[in-house]
Amino acid sequence: MTDVLQLLSDRRRQGSTPGDRSDDARLVLLIEGGSSRGAYSSGMTVAIERLGLLPAFDAVYGSSAGALNAAWLLCGRAESTLRAWWTPAIMETTINPRRVLRRLPVIDTRHLIHTVYTEVMPMGFQEVLDNPVDFHPIATDALTGAAVDLHDRIVDQASLQTALRASTAMPFLAGEPVEIGGRGYVDAGLSEGVPVRTALAQQATHVVALRTRRTDETSTAPSRAQRMLVARWFARYAPGAYELWLHSKELRTEEERLLAEHPATLQIRPPLGSARVGRTERRPGPLRVAAETGRDAALEVLESAAEVAR
């Protein structure tokens, strides 16, 4: 933790940017998702933006809602758009359980990314593409179950939007897999809830992880009812991801181990006692509290790096 904060403060003080560093470290930001739980990590990105720390990172990796939060951070609009999490007109059109009665996706990421992010609360897609900090949205290959870094598939606004949809394509709830280059992709959380394995494989030396679970929260295996409900969906659309979904608890445990054992890792989590947010939560009150709690938790940890750099 101390090494990470020192590197952050040194780079901020020097004003260095990717490709123009005085050190040989690779500092990455990992942003956990979890659908509506992403309100916590969204608030945490506000702290990074407010403190001017983004240029200190070499890359940002995002899983599921964490990929959306990463994109808002990279385009410089994390704080100005935070209210989207508790704006009923946005959340109620994005997550609507009643749509299942019409055999439509409960979570409409197409509407979110192609309507909300272009017309209602525009995302700076070009700013994301132009940012010298690399963007690595993660998705899960529907046939193999492998975690896939979509960084190299992003070349323009359309491919960026598709990558964001692929990373957030929750099984069953968000409809069919998203196709990229003739392959189907589903939610990153099936293969990497926190994209630590991918980041370490790409030579990350220092890690900051924005988490959406408290330290006392653990992942649970799918219930029998859940297995019965979605087994047919996996068999038809994402056969390679079914075993991952069944063993999600073990995968999360492995991610926790990798983060805990890495020698230069700083994890920022919702504090003990903060509310547990469900994956399809859409009530404005709990989501606003989660976003603001995440922001305050990250500010408390990261302000020291900003202070040292002054």
C-alpha atoms as a PDB file:
ATOM      1  CA  MET A   1       0.000   0.000   0.000  1.00  0.00           C
ATOM      2  CA  THR A   2       2.762   2.456   0.951  1.00  0.00           C
ATOM      3  CA  ASP A   3       4.683   1.715  -2.262  1.00  0.00           C
ATOM      4  CA  VAL A   4       1.582   2.334  -4.373  1.00  0.00           C
ATOM      5  CA  LEU A   5       0.767   5.638  -2.678  1.00  0.00           C
ATOM      6  CA  GLN A   6       4.377   6.744  -3.016  1.00  0.00           C
ATOM      7  CA  LEU A   7       4.389   5.948  -6.735  1.00  0.00           C
ATOM      8  CA  LEU A   8       1.111   7.810  -7.186  1.00  0.00           C
ATOM      9  CA  SER A   9       2.439  10.878  -5.387  1.00  0.00           C
ATOM     10  CA  ASP A  10       5.773  10.807  -7.232  1.00  0.00           C
ATOM     11  CA  ARG A  11       4.125  10.607 -10.630  1.00  0.00           C
ATOM     12  CA  ARG A  12       1.595  13.304  -9.782  1.00  0.00           C
ATOM     13  CA  ARG A  13       4.340  15.616  -8.531  1.00  0.00           C
ATOM     14  CA  GLN A  14       6.405  15.012 -11.669  1.00  0.00           C
ATOM     15  CA  GLY A  15       3.388  15.428 -13.932  1.00  0.00           C
ATOM     16  CA  SER A  16       4.394  12.299 -15.838  1.00  0.00           C
ATOM     17  CA  THR A  17       2.093  10.575 -18.316  1.00  0.00           C
ATOM     18  CA  PRO A  18       2.128   7.181 -20.059  1.00  0.00           C
ATOM     19  CA  GLY A  19       5.117   7.042 -22.384  1.00  0.00           C
ATOM     20  CA  ASP A  20       6.905   9.784 -20.455  1.00  0.00           C
ATOM     21  CA  ARG A  21       7.918   8.291 -17.108  1.00  0.00           C
ATOM     22  CA  SER A  22      11.071   8.496 -15.018  1.00  0.00           C
ATOM     23  CA  ASP A  23      10.418   5.013 -13.557  1.00  0.00           C
ATOM     24  CA  ASP A  24       9.923   1.553 -15.047  1.00  0.00           C
ATOM     25  CA  ALA A  25       6.829   0.622 -13.028  1.00  0.00           C
ATOM     26  CA  ARG A  26       3.494  -0.338 -14.571  1.00  0.00           C
ATOM     27  CA  LEU A  27       0.766   1.084 -12.360  1.00  0.00           C
ATOM     28  CA  VAL A  28      -2.752  -0.101 -13.200  1.00  0.00           C
ATOM     29  CA  LEU A  29      -6.235   0.661 -11.940  1.00  0.00           C
ATOM     30  CA  LEU A  30      -8.671  -2.252 -11.595  1.00  0.00           C
ATOM     31  CA  ILE A  31     -12.378  -1.438 -11.321  1.00  0.00           C
ATOM     32  CA  GLU A  32     -14.743  -4.110 -10.045  1.00  0.00           C
ATOM     33  CA  GLY A  33     -18.304  -4.222 -11.319  1.00  0.00           C
ATOM     34  CA  GLY A  34     -21.340  -6.160 -10.168  1.00  0.00           C
ATOM     35  CA  SER A  35     -24.171  -4.347 -11.983  1.00  0.00           C
ATOM     36  CA  SER A  36     -25.787  -1.961  -9.458  1.00  0.00           C
ATOM     37  CA  ARG A  37     -22.970  -2.618  -6.968  1.00  0.00           C
ATOM     38  CA  GLY A  38     -20.884  -0.616  -9.420  1.00  0.00           C
ATOM     39  CA  ALA A  39     -22.300   2.508  -7.768  1.00  0.00           C
ATOM     40  CA  TYR A  40     -19.580   2.055  -5.148  1.00  0.00           C
ATOM     41  CA  SER A  41     -16.687   1.873  -7.632  1.00  0.00           C
ATOM     42  CA  SER A  42     -18.203   4.707  -9.660  1.00  0.00           C
ATOM     43  CA  GLY A  43     -17.964   6.961  -6.621  1.00  0.00           C
ATOM     44  CA  MET A  44     -14.367   5.855  -6.127  1.00  0.00           C
ATOM     45  CA  THR A  45     -13.442   6.970  -9.647  1.00  0.00           C
ATOM     46  CA  VAL A  46     -14.687  10.442  -8.720  1.00  0.00           C
ATOM     47  CA  ALA A  47     -11.948  10.660  -6.092  1.00  0.00           C
ATOM     48  CA  ILE A  48      -9.285   9.771  -8.670  1.00  0.00           C
ATOM     49  CA  GLU A  49     -10.644  12.375 -11.061  1.00  0.00           C
ATOM     50  CA  ARG A  50     -10.990  15.067  -8.410  1.00  0.00           C
ATOM     51  CA  LEU A  51      -7.444  14.521  -7.129  1.00  0.00           C
ATOM     52  CA  GLY A  52      -5.938  14.557 -10.612  1.00  0.00           C
ATOM     53  CA  LEU A  53      -4.443  11.084 -10.252  1.00  0.00           C
ATOM     54  CA  LEU A  54      -5.576   9.464 -13.518  1.00  0.00           C
ATOM     55  CA  PRO A  55      -2.445  10.430 -15.546  1.00  0.00           C
ATOM     56  CA  ALA A  56      -0.337   8.565 -12.972  1.00  0.00           C
ATOM     57  CA  PHE A  57      -1.804   5.261 -14.171  1.00  0.00           C
ATOM     58  CA  ASP A  58      -0.574   3.374 -17.216  1.00  0.00           C
ATOM     59  CA  ALA A  59      -3.791   1.448 -17.802  1.00  0.00           C
ATOM     60  CA  VAL A  60      -7.321   1.047 -16.483  1.00  0.00           C
ATOM     61  CA  TYR A  61      -8.986  -2.386 -16.457  1.00  0.00           C
ATOM     62  CA  GLY A  62     -12.729  -2.715 -15.941  1.00  0.00           C
ATOM     63  CA  SER A  63     -15.102  -5.640 -15.498  1.00  0.00           C
ATOM     64  CA  SER A  64     -18.811  -5.268 -16.244  1.00  0.00           C
ATOM     65  CA  ALA A  65     -20.119  -2.070 -14.607  1.00  0.00           C
ATOM     66  CA  GLY A  66     -16.485  -1.393 -13.734  1.00  0.00           C
ATOM     67  CA  ALA A  67     -15.790  -1.011 -17.461  1.00  0.00           C
ATOM     68  CA  LEU A  68     -18.509   1.643 -17.693  1.00  0.00           C
ATOM     69  CA  ASN A  69     -17.062   3.446 -14.687  1.00  0.00           C
ATOM     70  CA  ALA A  70     -13.604   3.268 -16.264  1.00  0.00           C
ATOM     71  CA  ALA A  71     -14.880   4.854 -19.465  1.00  0.00           C
ATOM     72  CA  TRP A  72     -16.474   7.756 -17.573  1.00  0.00           C
ATOM     73  CA  LEU A  73     -13.203   8.305 -15.744  1.00  0.00           C
ATOM     74  CA  LEU A  74     -11.142   8.199 -18.936  1.00  0.00           C
ATOM     75  CA  CYS A  75     -13.326  10.785 -20.640  1.00  0.00           C
ATOM     76  CA  GLY A  76     -13.098  13.104 -17.629  1.00  0.00           C
ATOM     77  CA  ARG A  77     -16.777  12.980 -16.667  1.00  0.00           C
ATOM     78  CA  ALA A  78     -16.844  10.689 -13.644  1.00  0.00           C
ATOM     79  CA  GLU A  79     -17.998  13.349 -11.218  1.00  0.00           C
ATOM     80  CA  SER A  80     -20.334  15.268 -13.507  1.00  0.00           C
ATOM     81  CA  THR A  81     -22.272  12.098 -14.392  1.00  0.00           C
ATOM     82  CA  LEU A  82     -22.288  10.383 -10.994  1.00  0.00           C
ATOM     83  CA  ARG A  83     -25.923  11.370 -10.519  1.00  0.00           C
ATOM     84  CA  ALA A  84     -26.899   8.906 -13.258  1.00  0.00           C
ATOM     85  CA  TRP A  85     -26.799   6.214 -10.579  1.00  0.00           C
ATOM     86  CA  TRP A  86     -29.736   7.727  -8.715  1.00  0.00           C
ATOM     87  CA  THR A  87     -31.647   9.336 -11.607  1.00  0.00           C
ATOM     88  CA  PRO A  88     -34.905   7.353 -11.897  1.00  0.00           C
ATOM     89  CA  ALA A  89     -35.370   8.098 -15.611  1.00  0.00           C
ATOM     90  CA  ILE A  90     -32.044   6.381 -16.308  1.00  0.00           C
ATOM     91  CA  MET A  91     -32.052   3.502 -13.851  1.00  0.00           C
ATOM     92  CA  GLU A  92     -35.689   2.517 -14.398  1.00  0.00           C
ATOM     93  CA  THR A  93     -35.240   2.298 -18.170  1.00  0.00           C
ATOM     94  CA  THR A  94     -31.955   0.404 -17.800  1.00  0.00           C
ATOM     95  CA  ILE A  95     -33.121  -2.115 -15.168  1.00  0.00           C
ATOM     96  CA  ASN A  96     -36.760  -3.172 -15.304  1.00  0.00           C
ATOM     97  CA  PRO A  97     -37.700  -6.619 -13.892  1.00  0.00           C
ATOM     98  CA  ARG A  98     -41.162  -6.359 -15.451  1.00  0.00           C
ATOM     99  CA  ARG A  99     -39.655  -6.732 -18.917  1.00  0.00           C
ATOM    100  CA  VAL A 100     -39.134 -10.441 -18.256  1.00  0.00           C
ATOM    101  CA  LEU A 101     -42.908 -10.881 -18.594  1.00  0.00           C
ATOM    102  CA  ARG A 102     -42.543  -9.784 -22.239  1.00  0.00           C
ATOM    103  CA  ARG A 103     -39.479 -11.986 -22.754  1.00  0.00           C
ATOM    104  CA  LEU A 104     -37.261  -8.911 -22.980  1.00  0.00           C
ATOM    105  CA  PRO A 105     -33.934  -8.341 -21.183  1.00  0.00           C
ATOM    106  CA  VAL A 106     -34.288  -7.148 -17.597  1.00  0.00           C
ATOM    107  CA  ILE A 107     -31.097  -5.101 -18.058  1.00  0.00           C
ATOM    108  CA  ASP A 108     -31.111  -3.118 -21.299  1.00  0.00           C
ATOM    109  CA  THR A 109     -27.472  -2.236 -21.944  1.00  0.00           C
ATOM    110  CA  ARG A 110     -28.185  -1.369 -25.587  1.00  0.00           C
ATOM    111  CA  HIS A 111     -30.496   1.432 -24.458  1.00  0.00           C
ATOM    112  CA  LEU A 112     -27.986   2.510 -21.813  1.00  0.00           C
ATOM    113  CA  ILE A 113     -24.989   2.764 -24.124  1.00  0.00           C
ATOM    114  CA  HIS A 114     -26.597   3.747 -27.430  1.00  0.00           C
ATOM    115  CA  THR A 115     -29.295   6.088 -26.095  1.00  0.00           C
ATOM    116  CA  VAL A 116     -28.478   7.274 -22.579  1.00  0.00           C
ATOM    117  CA  TYR A 117     -24.730   7.566 -23.234  1.00  0.00           C
ATOM    118  CA  THR A 118     -25.250   9.325 -26.569  1.00  0.00           C
ATOM    119  CA  GLU A 119     -28.355  11.488 -26.095  1.00  0.00           C
ATOM    120  CA  VAL A 120     -29.346  11.814 -22.433  1.00  0.00           C
ATOM    121  CA  MET A 121     -25.975  11.954 -20.682  1.00  0.00           C
ATOM    122  CA  PRO A 122     -23.374  11.852 -23.467  1.00  0.00           C
ATOM    123  CA  MET A 123     -20.154   9.979 -22.835  1.00  0.00           C
ATOM    124  CA  GLY A 124     -17.005  11.410 -24.385  1.00  0.00           C
ATOM    125  CA  PHE A 125     -16.241   8.344 -26.479  1.00  0.00           C
ATOM    126  CA  GLN A 126     -13.536  10.124 -28.462  1.00  0.00           C
ATOM    127  CA  GLU A 127     -11.897  11.315 -25.241  1.00  0.00           C
ATOM    128  CA  VAL A 128     -11.745   7.699 -24.062  1.00  0.00           C
ATOM    129  CA  LEU A 129     -10.112   6.686 -27.341  1.00  0.00           C
ATOM    130  CA  ASP A 130      -7.628   9.575 -27.213  1.00  0.00           C
ATOM    131  CA  ASN A 131      -6.625   9.194 -23.569  1.00  0.00           C
ATOM    132  CA  PRO A 132      -2.964   8.088 -23.257  1.00  0.00           C
ATOM    133  CA  VAL A 133      -4.006   5.861 -20.335  1.00  0.00           C
ATOM    134  CA  ASP A 134      -4.902   2.535 -21.955  1.00  0.00           C
ATOM    135  CA  PHE A 135      -8.421   1.183 -21.537  1.00  0.00           C
ATOM    136  CA  HIS A 136      -8.855  -2.573 -21.040  1.00  0.00           C
ATOM    137  CA  PRO A 137     -12.517  -3.640 -20.770  1.00  0.00           C
ATOM    138  CA  ILE A 138     -12.805  -7.346 -19.981  1.00  0.00           C
ATOM    139  CA  ALA A 139     -15.453  -9.763 -21.293  1.00  0.00           C
ATOM    140  CA  THR A 140     -16.009 -13.524 -21.154  1.00  0.00           C
ATOM    141  CA  ASP A 141     -15.857 -15.670 -24.278  1.00  0.00           C
ATOM    142  CA  ALA A 142     -19.251 -17.398 -24.430  1.00  0.00           C
ATOM    143  CA  LEU A 143     -17.860 -20.588 -25.997  1.00  0.00           C
ATOM    144  CA  THR A 144     -14.623 -21.062 -24.055  1.00  0.00           C
ATOM    145  CA  GLY A 145     -15.273 -19.201 -20.804  1.00  0.00           C
ATOM    146  CA  ALA A 146     -11.938 -17.387 -21.116  1.00  0.00           C
ATOM    147  CA  ALA A 147     -11.503 -13.859 -19.833  1.00  0.00           C
ATOM    148  CA  VAL A 148     -10.780 -11.684 -22.867  1.00  0.00           C
ATOM    149  CA  ASP A 149      -9.165  -8.252 -22.879  1.00  0.00           C
ATOM    150  CA  LEU A 150     -11.020  -6.231 -25.538  1.00  0.00           C
ATOM    151  CA  HIS A 151      -8.400  -3.474 -25.696  1.00  0.00           C
ATOM    152  CA  ASP A 152      -7.146  -4.419 -29.166  1.00  0.00           C
ATOM    153  CA  ARG A 153     -10.689  -4.685 -30.566  1.00  0.00           C
ATOM    154  CA  ILE A 154     -11.416  -1.020 -29.863  1.00  0.00           C
ATOM    155  CA  VAL A 155     -10.616   1.242 -32.818  1.00  0.00           C
ATOM    156  CA  ASP A 156     -13.476   3.760 -32.975  1.00  0.00           C
ATOM    157  CA  GLN A 157     -16.651   4.848 -31.184  1.00  0.00           C
ATOM    158  CA  ALA A 158     -18.750   1.975 -32.494  1.00  0.00           C
ATOM    159  CA  SER A 159     -16.282  -0.696 -31.389  1.00  0.00           C
ATOM    160  CA  LEU A 160     -15.892   1.012 -28.007  1.00  0.00           C
ATOM    161  CA  GLN A 161     -19.650   0.942 -27.493  1.00  0.00           C
ATOM    162  CA  THR A 162     -19.769  -2.719 -28.470  1.00  0.00           C
ATOM    163  CA  ALA A 163     -16.951  -3.559 -26.055  1.00  0.00           C
ATOM    164  CA  LEU A 164     -18.833  -1.832 -23.232  1.00  0.00           C
ATOM    165  CA  ARG A 165     -21.951  -3.845 -24.042  1.00  0.00           C
ATOM    166  CA  ALA A 166     -19.960  -7.083 -24.160  1.00  0.00           C
ATOM    167  CA  SER A 167     -18.354  -6.455 -20.779  1.00  0.00           C
ATOM    168  CA  THR A 168     -21.776  -5.851 -19.201  1.00  0.00           C
ATOM    169  CA  ALA A 169     -23.777  -8.613 -20.955  1.00  0.00           C
ATOM    170  CA  MET A 170     -25.048 -10.339 -17.827  1.00  0.00           C
ATOM    171  CA  PRO A 171     -26.230 -13.893 -18.512  1.00  0.00           C
ATOM    172  CA  PHE A 172     -29.985 -14.253 -18.905  1.00  0.00           C
ATOM    173  CA  LEU A 173     -30.739 -10.772 -17.512  1.00  0.00           C
ATOM    174  CA  ALA A 174     -29.165  -8.798 -20.390  1.00  0.00           C
ATOM    175  CA  GLY A 175     -30.232 -10.985 -23.288  1.00  0.00           C
ATOM    176  CA  GLU A 176     -28.025 -12.735 -25.812  1.00  0.00           C
ATOM    177  CA  PRO A 177     -24.220 -12.517 -25.952  1.00  0.00           C
ATOM    178  CA  VAL A 178     -22.706  -9.534 -27.765  1.00  0.00           C
ATOM    179  CA  GLU A 179     -20.897 -10.437 -30.968  1.00  0.00           C
ATOM    180  CA  ILE A 180     -17.443  -9.104 -31.771  1.00  0.00           C
ATOM    181  CA  GLY A 181     -15.523 -10.443 -34.745  1.00  0.00           C
ATOM    182  CA  GLY A 182     -17.828 -13.407 -35.125  1.00  0.00           C
ATOM    183  CA  ARG A 183     -17.557 -14.519 -31.467  1.00  0.00           C
ATOM    184  CA  GLY A 184     -20.060 -14.069 -28.671  1.00  0.00           C
ATOM    185  CA  TYR A 185     -19.118 -12.414 -25.390  1.00  0.00           C
ATOM    186  CA  VAL A 186     -20.877 -12.201 -22.043  1.00  0.00           C
ATOM    187  CA  ASP A 187     -20.364 -10.389 -18.770  1.00  0.00           C
ATOM    188  CA  ALA A 188     -16.786 -10.050 -17.528  1.00  0.00           C
ATOM    189  CA  GLY A 189     -17.810 -10.990 -14.016  1.00  0.00           C
ATOM    190  CA  LEU A 190     -18.199 -14.630 -15.020  1.00  0.00           C
ATOM    191  CA  SER A 191     -14.454 -14.987 -15.638  1.00  0.00           C
ATOM    192  CA  GLU A 192     -12.941 -12.002 -13.792  1.00  0.00           C
ATOM    193  CA  GLY A 193     -14.951 -10.000 -11.280  1.00  0.00           C
ATOM    194  CA  VAL A 194     -11.798  -8.026 -10.557  1.00  0.00           C
ATOM    195  CA  PRO A 195      -9.489  -8.175 -13.621  1.00  0.00           C
ATOM    196  CA  VAL A 196      -6.372  -8.931 -11.616  1.00  0.00           C
ATOM    197  CA  ARG A 197      -5.258 -12.040 -13.516  1.00  0.00           C
ATOM    198  CA  THR A 198      -5.283 -10.194 -16.823  1.00  0.00           C
ATOM    199  CA  ALA A 199      -3.457  -7.189 -15.388  1.00  0.00           C
ATOM    200  CA  LEU A 200      -0.745  -9.303 -13.760  1.00  0.00           C
ATOM    201  CA  ALA A 201      -0.314 -11.323 -16.954  1.00  0.00           C
ATOM    202  CA  GLN A 202       0.320  -8.003 -18.703  1.00  0.00           C
ATOM    203  CA  GLN A 203       3.145  -7.153 -16.314  1.00  0.00           C
ATOM    204  CA  ALA A 204       1.433  -4.873 -13.804  1.00  0.00           C
ATOM    205  CA  THR A 205       3.887  -4.029 -11.021  1.00  0.00           C
ATOM    206  CA  HIS A 206       1.626  -1.797  -8.910  1.00  0.00           C
ATOM    207  CA  VAL A 207      -2.125  -2.167  -8.518  1.00  0.00           C
ATOM    208  CA  VAL A 208      -4.957   0.007  -7.236  1.00  0.00           C
ATOM    209  CA  ALA A 209      -8.227  -1.962  -7.035  1.00  0.00           C
ATOM    210  CA  LEU A 210     -11.585  -0.229  -6.617  1.00  0.00           C
ATOM    211  CA  ARG A 211     -13.859  -2.808  -5.012  1.00  0.00           C
ATOM    212  CA  THR A 212     -17.628  -3.073  -4.677  1.00  0.00           C
ATOM    213  CA  ARG A 213     -17.713  -5.579  -1.818  1.00  0.00           C
ATOM    214  CA  ARG A 214     -16.821  -4.951   1.810  1.00  0.00           C
ATOM    215  CA  THR A 215     -14.091  -7.095   3.355  1.00  0.00           C
ATOM    216  CA  ASP A 216     -16.745  -9.072   5.250  1.00  0.00           C
ATOM    217  CA  GLU A 217     -18.831  -9.827   2.148  1.00  0.00           C
ATOM    218  CA  THR A 218     -18.298 -13.122   0.389  1.00  0.00           C
ATOM    219  CA  SER A 219     -19.554 -14.535  -2.870  1.00  0.00           C
ATOM    220  CA  THR A 220     -22.056 -17.377  -2.701  1.00  0.00           C
ATOM    221  CA  ALA A 221     -22.640 -20.263  -5.089  1.00  0.00           C
ATOM    222  CA  PRO A 222     -25.804 -20.124  -7.237  1.00  0.00           C
ATOM    223  CA  SER A 223     -28.850 -21.638  -5.564  1.00  0.00           C
ATOM    224  CA  ARG A 224     -30.702 -24.643  -6.971  1.00  0.00           C
ATOM    225  CA  ALA A 225     -33.520 -22.370  -8.133  1.00  0.00           C
ATOM    226  CA  GLN A 226     -31.059 -20.093  -9.925  1.00  0.00           C
ATOM    227  CA  ARG A 227     -29.421 -23.073 -11.618  1.00  0.00           C
ATOM    228  CA  MET A 228     -32.778 -24.333 -12.855  1.00  0.00           C
ATOM    229  CA  LEU A 229     -33.726 -20.881 -14.125  1.00  0.00           C
ATOM    230  CA  VAL A 230     -30.661 -20.127 -16.226  1.00  0.00           C
ATOM    231  CA  ALA A 231     -29.174 -23.512 -17.160  1.00  0.00           C
ATOM    232  CA  ARG A 232     -31.030 -23.586 -20.474  1.00  0.00           C
ATOM    233  CA  TRP A 233     -29.848 -20.060 -21.285  1.00  0.00           C
ATOM    234  CA  PHE A 234     -26.220 -21.057 -20.779  1.00  0.00           C
ATOM    235  CA  ALA A 235     -26.651 -24.230 -22.816  1.00  0.00           C
ATOM    236  CA  ARG A 236     -27.994 -22.231 -25.738  1.00  0.00           C
ATOM    237  CA  TYR A 237     -25.956 -19.042 -25.621  1.00  0.00           C
ATOM    238  CA  ALA A 238     -22.835 -19.441 -23.455  1.00  0.00           C
ATOM    239  CA  PRO A 239     -21.948 -23.095 -22.840  1.00  0.00           C
ATOM    240  CA  GLY A 240     -18.345 -22.273 -22.029  1.00  0.00           C
ATOM    241  CA  ALA A 241     -19.325 -19.954 -19.202  1.00  0.00           C
ATOM    242  CA  TYR A 242     -21.719 -22.209 -17.294  1.00  0.00           C
ATOM    243  CA  GLU A 243     -19.072 -23.927 -15.172  1.00  0.00           C
ATOM    244  CA  LEU A 244     -17.563 -20.550 -14.338  1.00  0.00           C
ATOM    245  CA  TRP A 245     -20.948 -19.340 -13.138  1.00  0.00           C
ATOM    246  CA  LEU A 246     -21.445 -22.465 -11.041  1.00  0.00           C
ATOM    247  CA  HIS A 247     -18.032 -21.998  -9.420  1.00  0.00           C
ATOM    248  CA  SER A 248     -18.103 -18.230  -9.067  1.00  0.00           C
ATOM    249  CA  LYS A 249     -17.342 -18.479  -5.353  1.00  0.00           C
ATOM    250  CA  GLU A 250     -14.043 -20.251  -6.046  1.00  0.00           C
ATOM    251  CA  LEU A 251     -13.103 -17.742  -8.743  1.00  0.00           C
ATOM    252  CA  ARG A 252     -13.716 -14.809  -6.404  1.00  0.00           C
ATOM    253  CA  THR A 253     -11.624 -16.517  -3.723  1.00  0.00           C
ATOM    254  CA  GLU A 254      -8.739 -16.859  -6.170  1.00  0.00           C
ATOM    255  CA  GLU A 255      -8.967 -13.165  -7.089  1.00  0.00           C
ATOM    256  CA  GLU A 256      -8.857 -12.226  -3.423  1.00  0.00           C
ATOM    257  CA  ARG A 257      -5.754 -14.366  -2.988  1.00  0.00           C
ATOM    258  CA  LEU A 258      -3.960 -12.790  -5.946  1.00  0.00           C
ATOM    259  CA  LEU A 259      -4.723  -9.284  -4.726  1.00  0.00           C
ATOM    260  CA  ALA A 260      -3.694 -10.080  -1.164  1.00  0.00           C
ATOM    261  CA  GLU A 261      -0.413 -11.705  -2.187  1.00  0.00           C
ATOM    262  CA  HIS A 262       0.713  -9.143  -4.736  1.00  0.00           C
ATOM    263  CA  PRO A 263       3.442  -7.067  -3.035  1.00  0.00           C
ATOM    264  CA  ALA A 264       2.300  -3.651  -4.315  1.00  0.00           C
ATOM    265  CA  THR A 265      -1.481  -3.563  -4.130  1.00  0.00           C
ATOM    266  CA  LEU A 266      -3.834  -0.954  -2.722  1.00  0.00           C
ATOM    267  CA  GLN A 267      -7.465  -2.021  -2.386  1.00  0.00           C
ATOM    268  CA  ILE A 268     -10.208   0.499  -1.691  1.00  0.00           C
ATOM    269  CA  ARG A 269     -13.478  -1.012  -0.484  1.00  0.00           C
ATOM    270  CA  PRO A 270     -16.828   0.116   0.873  1.00  0.00           C
ATOM    271  CA  PRO A 271     -16.327   0.512   4.630  1.00  0.00           C
ATOM    272  CA  LEU A 272     -17.626  -2.015   7.107  1.00  0.00           C
ATOM    273  CA  GLY A 273     -21.252  -1.308   7.899  1.00  0.00           C
ATOM    274  CA  SER A 274     -22.054   0.159   4.490  1.00  0.00           C
ATOM    275  CA  ALA A 275     -25.103  -1.182   2.721  1.00  0.00           C
ATOM    276  CA  ARG A 276     -25.062  -4.330   0.643  1.00  0.00           C
ATOM    277  CA  VAL A 277     -26.348  -3.372  -2.805  1.00  0.00           C
ATOM    278  CA  GLY A 278     -28.132  -5.977  -4.919  1.00  0.00           C
ATOM    279  CA  ARG A 279     -27.153  -6.523  -8.546  1.00  0.00           C
ATOM    280  CA  THR A 280     -30.467  -5.146  -9.833  1.00  0.00           C
ATOM    281  CA  GLU A 281     -30.981  -2.402  -7.254  1.00  0.00           C
ATOM    282  CA  ARG A 282     -32.508   0.704  -8.852  1.00  0.00           C
ATOM    283  CA  ARG A 283     -33.899   2.710  -5.950  1.00  0.00           C
ATOM    284  CA  PRO A 284     -32.363   6.216  -5.940  1.00  0.00           C
ATOM    285  CA  GLY A 285     -31.707   6.341  -2.187  1.00  0.00           C
ATOM    286  CA  PRO A 286     -29.489   3.280  -1.758  1.00  0.00           C
ATOM    287  CA  LEU A 287     -27.642   3.943  -5.020  1.00  0.00           C
ATOM    288  CA  ARG A 288     -26.861   7.550  -4.130  1.00  0.00           C
ATOM    289  CA  VAL A 289     -25.609   6.512  -0.705  1.00  0.00           C
ATOM    290  CA  ALA A 290     -23.424   3.801  -2.289  1.00  0.00           C
ATOM    291  CA  ALA A 291     -21.894   6.195  -4.829  1.00  0.00           C
ATOM    292  CA  GLU A 292     -21.179   8.859  -2.225  1.00  0.00           C
ATOM    293  CA  THR A 293     -19.828   6.288   0.230  1.00  0.00           C
ATOM    294  CA  GLY A 294     -17.443   4.975  -2.427  1.00  0.00           C
ATOM    295  CA  ARG A 295     -16.287   8.495  -3.241  1.00  0.00           C
ATOM    296  CA  ASP A 296     -15.607   9.347   0.396  1.00  0.00           C
ATOM    297  CA  ALA A 297     -13.815   6.048   1.053  1.00  0.00           C
ATOM    298  CA  ALA A 298     -11.467   6.624  -1.895  1.00  0.00           C
ATOM    299  CA  LEU A 299     -10.838  10.253  -0.983  1.00  0.00           C
ATOM    300  CA  GLU A 300      -9.828   9.225   2.523  1.00  0.00           C
ATOM    301  CA  VAL A 301      -7.217   6.799   1.172  1.00  0.00           C
ATOM    302  CA  LEU A 302      -5.944   8.749  -1.834  1.00  0.00           C
ATOM    303  CA  GLU A 303      -5.811  12.298  -0.492  1.00  0.00           C
ATOM    304  CA  SER A 304      -2.508  11.439   1.192  1.00  0.00           C
ATOM    305  CA  ALA A 305      -0.929  10.771  -2.216  1.00  0.00           C
ATOM    306  CA  ALA A 306      -2.228  14.068  -3.534  1.00  0.00           C
ATOM    307  CA  GLU A 307      -1.020  15.938  -0.446  1.00  0.00           C
ATOM    308  CA  VAL A 308       2.486  14.508  -0.629  1.00  0.00           C
ATOM    309  CA  ALA A 309       2.702  15.519  -4.273  1.00  0.00           C
ATOM    310  CA  ARG A 310       1.970  19.193  -3.576  1.00  0.00           C
END
